[in-house]
Amino acid sequence: MPTDSVVHQLAIRAGNKLRDARLMLATAESCTGGMVATAITDISGSSGWFERGFVTYSNQAKTEMIGVPAELIEKHGAVSEPVARAMAEGALRNSRAQVSLAITGVAGPGGGTPEKPVGMVSFGWSNRLHTSVETLVFKGDREQIRVQAATHALRGLLALIDEKER
């Protein structure tokens, strides 16, 4: 499946900024299943600024691969800002990157609850000094939610890079 063109264009912009700032990126993705990493690695030369991507779809993978405490997932649920923060920070701890992004959500069509409806996605962005998190609820089918999540994650990455350059 080809990556959405908006996601691809944002990945190109992020890559240019990362390259210019001499930063490496690590990603930790759950509901997007590596969509951001795919958009990035579709770009020739991305090995110059993309260090690695973790697809941590299961709770066990989040714990084993990037060190998200199981107790944190149990207390807040996998789709939560504390888990998104832990994913972003864990991606950095388990890589040589200087910046990271994390995505965890309910892409649907099932799996939603009144507290965490289909379309709810939590994000984390970290630069080793500061981690920011945000949760949004997107509308649409599974693919639309995943594309919107990847788009938002890359926009947040661009903002993080701009912040770091100041």
Protein backbone atom coordinates (compact mmCIF):
# COMPACT_ATOMS: atom_id res chain seq x y z
CA MET A 1 0.00 0.00 0.00
CA PRO A 2 1.56 3.34 -0.98
CA THR A 3 2.02 5.88 1.79
CA ASP A 4 -0.46 8.76 1.76
CA SER A 5 0.99 11.72 -0.18
CA VAL A 6 0.59 14.16 2.75
CA VAL A 7 2.45 11.76 5.02
CA HIS A 8 5.15 11.35 2.36
CA GLN A 9 5.56 15.12 1.92
CA LEU A 10 5.77 15.66 5.68
CA ALA A 11 8.37 12.88 5.93
CA ILE A 12 10.46 14.64 3.26
CA ARG A 13 10.23 17.95 5.16
CA ALA A 14 11.13 16.25 8.43
CA GLY A 15 14.05 14.49 6.79
CA ASN A 16 15.43 17.73 5.39
CA LYS A 17 15.18 19.40 8.80
CA LEU A 18 16.70 16.43 10.61
CA ARG A 19 19.57 16.25 8.12
CA ASP A 20 20.22 20.00 8.37
CA ALA A 21 20.16 19.86 12.18
CA ARG A 22 22.32 16.70 12.19
CA LEU A 23 19.75 14.82 14.23
CA MET A 24 18.73 11.17 14.10
CA LEU A 25 15.13 10.03 14.59
CA ALA A 26 13.68 6.95 16.26
CA THR A 27 10.00 6.06 16.03
CA ALA A 28 7.78 3.95 18.28
CA GLU A 29 4.51 3.08 16.56
CA SER A 30 1.56 1.02 17.64
CA CYS A 31 -1.73 1.68 15.82
CA THR A 32 0.05 3.01 12.71
CA GLY A 33 2.01 -0.22 12.39
CA GLY A 34 5.13 1.42 11.00
CA MET A 35 3.39 3.85 8.63
CA VAL A 36 5.71 6.70 9.67
CA ALA A 37 8.79 4.51 9.33
CA THR A 38 7.58 3.38 5.90
CA ALA A 39 7.09 6.96 4.73
CA ILE A 40 10.58 7.80 5.97
CA THR A 41 12.33 4.79 4.46
CA ASP A 42 10.60 5.43 1.13
CA ILE A 43 12.95 8.45 0.91
CA SER A 44 16.34 7.80 -0.61
CA GLY A 45 19.08 8.76 1.83
CA SER A 46 16.88 8.49 4.92
CA SER A 47 19.54 6.35 6.60
CA GLY A 48 21.36 9.64 7.17
CA TRP A 49 18.69 10.80 9.63
CA PHE A 50 16.50 7.81 10.53
CA GLU A 51 18.15 5.65 13.18
CA ARG A 52 15.44 3.01 13.79
CA GLY A 53 11.75 2.34 14.16
CA PHE A 54 9.97 0.18 16.69
CA VAL A 55 6.57 -1.29 15.87
CA THR A 56 5.29 -2.10 19.34
CA TYR A 57 1.78 -3.21 18.57
CA SER A 58 1.22 -5.43 21.61
CA ASN A 59 1.55 -4.34 25.22
CA GLN A 60 4.28 -6.97 25.66
CA ALA A 61 6.25 -5.46 22.77
CA LYS A 62 6.00 -2.01 24.34
CA THR A 63 7.48 -3.43 27.53
CA GLU A 64 10.12 -5.71 26.01
CA MET A 65 11.35 -3.54 23.13
CA ILE A 66 11.28 -0.02 24.56
CA GLY A 67 10.87 -0.49 28.30
CA VAL A 68 7.35 0.81 28.88
CA PRO A 69 6.54 -0.39 32.42
CA ALA A 70 3.77 -3.01 32.40
CA GLU A 71 2.32 -1.31 35.49
CA LEU A 72 1.97 1.94 33.53
CA ILE A 73 0.02 0.17 30.79
CA GLU A 74 -2.12 -1.60 33.39
CA LYS A 75 -2.88 1.64 35.24
CA HIS A 76 -3.52 3.98 32.28
CA GLY A 77 -4.10 1.65 29.31
CA ALA A 78 -1.95 1.39 26.20
CA VAL A 79 -3.75 4.36 24.66
CA SER A 80 -2.79 7.10 27.09
CA GLU A 81 -0.45 10.04 27.38
CA PRO A 82 1.70 8.37 30.07
CA VAL A 83 2.28 5.39 27.76
CA ALA A 84 2.95 7.66 24.74
CA ARG A 85 5.52 9.53 26.87
CA ALA A 86 7.14 6.26 27.95
CA MET A 87 7.20 5.05 24.33
CA ALA A 88 8.90 8.24 23.07
CA GLU A 89 11.45 8.18 25.87
CA GLY A 90 11.98 4.43 25.51
CA ALA A 91 12.66 4.79 21.78
CA LEU A 92 15.46 7.21 22.64
CA ARG A 93 16.86 5.04 25.43
CA ASN A 94 17.00 2.08 23.06
CA SER A 95 18.58 3.89 20.14
CA ARG A 96 21.28 6.39 19.26
CA ALA A 97 18.72 8.95 18.07
CA GLN A 98 18.39 12.44 19.50
CA VAL A 99 14.67 12.87 18.74
CA SER A 100 11.73 10.50 18.73
CA LEU A 101 8.04 10.25 18.09
CA ALA A 102 5.53 7.77 19.46
CA ILE A 103 1.99 6.85 18.42
CA THR A 104 -0.50 4.65 20.28
CA GLY A 105 -4.22 4.55 19.58
CA VAL A 106 -7.46 2.85 18.71
CA ALA A 107 -7.67 2.67 14.90
CA GLY A 108 -10.86 0.61 14.85
CA PRO A 109 -13.23 -0.47 13.68
CA GLY A 110 -13.42 -2.37 16.99
CA GLY A 111 -11.63 -1.92 20.27
CA GLY A 112 -13.13 1.39 21.30
CA THR A 113 -14.80 2.11 24.63
CA PRO A 114 -16.78 5.13 25.86
CA GLU A 115 -13.61 6.37 27.61
CA LYS A 116 -11.32 5.54 24.68
CA PRO A 117 -13.34 5.66 21.48
CA VAL A 118 -12.24 4.49 18.07
CA GLY A 119 -10.06 7.27 16.65
CA MET A 120 -8.43 8.19 19.97
CA VAL A 121 -4.67 8.44 19.51
CA SER A 122 -1.99 9.51 22.02
CA PHE A 123 1.30 10.96 20.79
CA GLY A 124 4.70 11.57 22.32
CA TRP A 125 7.68 13.53 21.03
CA SER A 126 11.01 13.68 22.82
CA ASN A 127 14.42 15.27 22.34
CA ARG A 128 16.11 13.76 25.43
CA LEU A 129 15.59 17.02 27.35
CA HIS A 130 11.86 17.43 27.02
CA THR A 131 8.95 15.16 26.14
CA SER A 132 5.57 16.48 25.06
CA VAL A 133 2.38 14.47 24.74
CA GLU A 134 -1.03 15.03 23.22
CA THR A 135 -4.20 13.03 22.63
CA LEU A 136 -6.61 13.61 19.76
CA VAL A 137 -9.70 11.83 18.47
CA PHE A 138 -9.82 11.39 14.70
CA LYS A 139 -12.85 10.51 12.61
CA GLY A 140 -13.00 8.06 9.74
CA ASP A 141 -12.31 4.44 8.98
CA ARG A 142 -9.24 2.52 10.13
CA GLU A 143 -7.01 3.67 7.27
CA GLN A 144 -8.12 7.32 7.59
CA ILE A 145 -7.42 7.30 11.32
CA ARG A 146 -3.99 5.78 10.79
CA VAL A 147 -3.09 8.33 8.09
CA GLN A 148 -4.31 11.22 10.26
CA ALA A 149 -2.26 9.88 13.17
CA ALA A 150 0.91 9.56 11.05
CA THR A 151 0.34 13.06 9.66
CA HIS A 152 -0.09 14.57 13.11
CA ALA A 153 2.96 12.75 14.47
CA LEU A 154 5.15 14.12 11.68
CA ARG A 155 3.78 17.66 12.17
CA GLY A 156 4.64 17.36 15.85
CA LEU A 157 8.13 16.17 14.92
CA LEU A 158 8.60 19.23 12.70
CA ALA A 159 7.59 21.47 15.63
CA LEU A 160 10.03 19.64 17.92
CA ILE A 161 12.89 20.11 15.46
CA ASP A 162 12.04 23.81 15.05
CA GLU A 163 11.99 24.17 18.85
CA LYS A 164 15.38 22.43 19.18
CA GLU A 165 16.94 24.72 16.55
CA ARG A 166 16.10 27.86 18.54
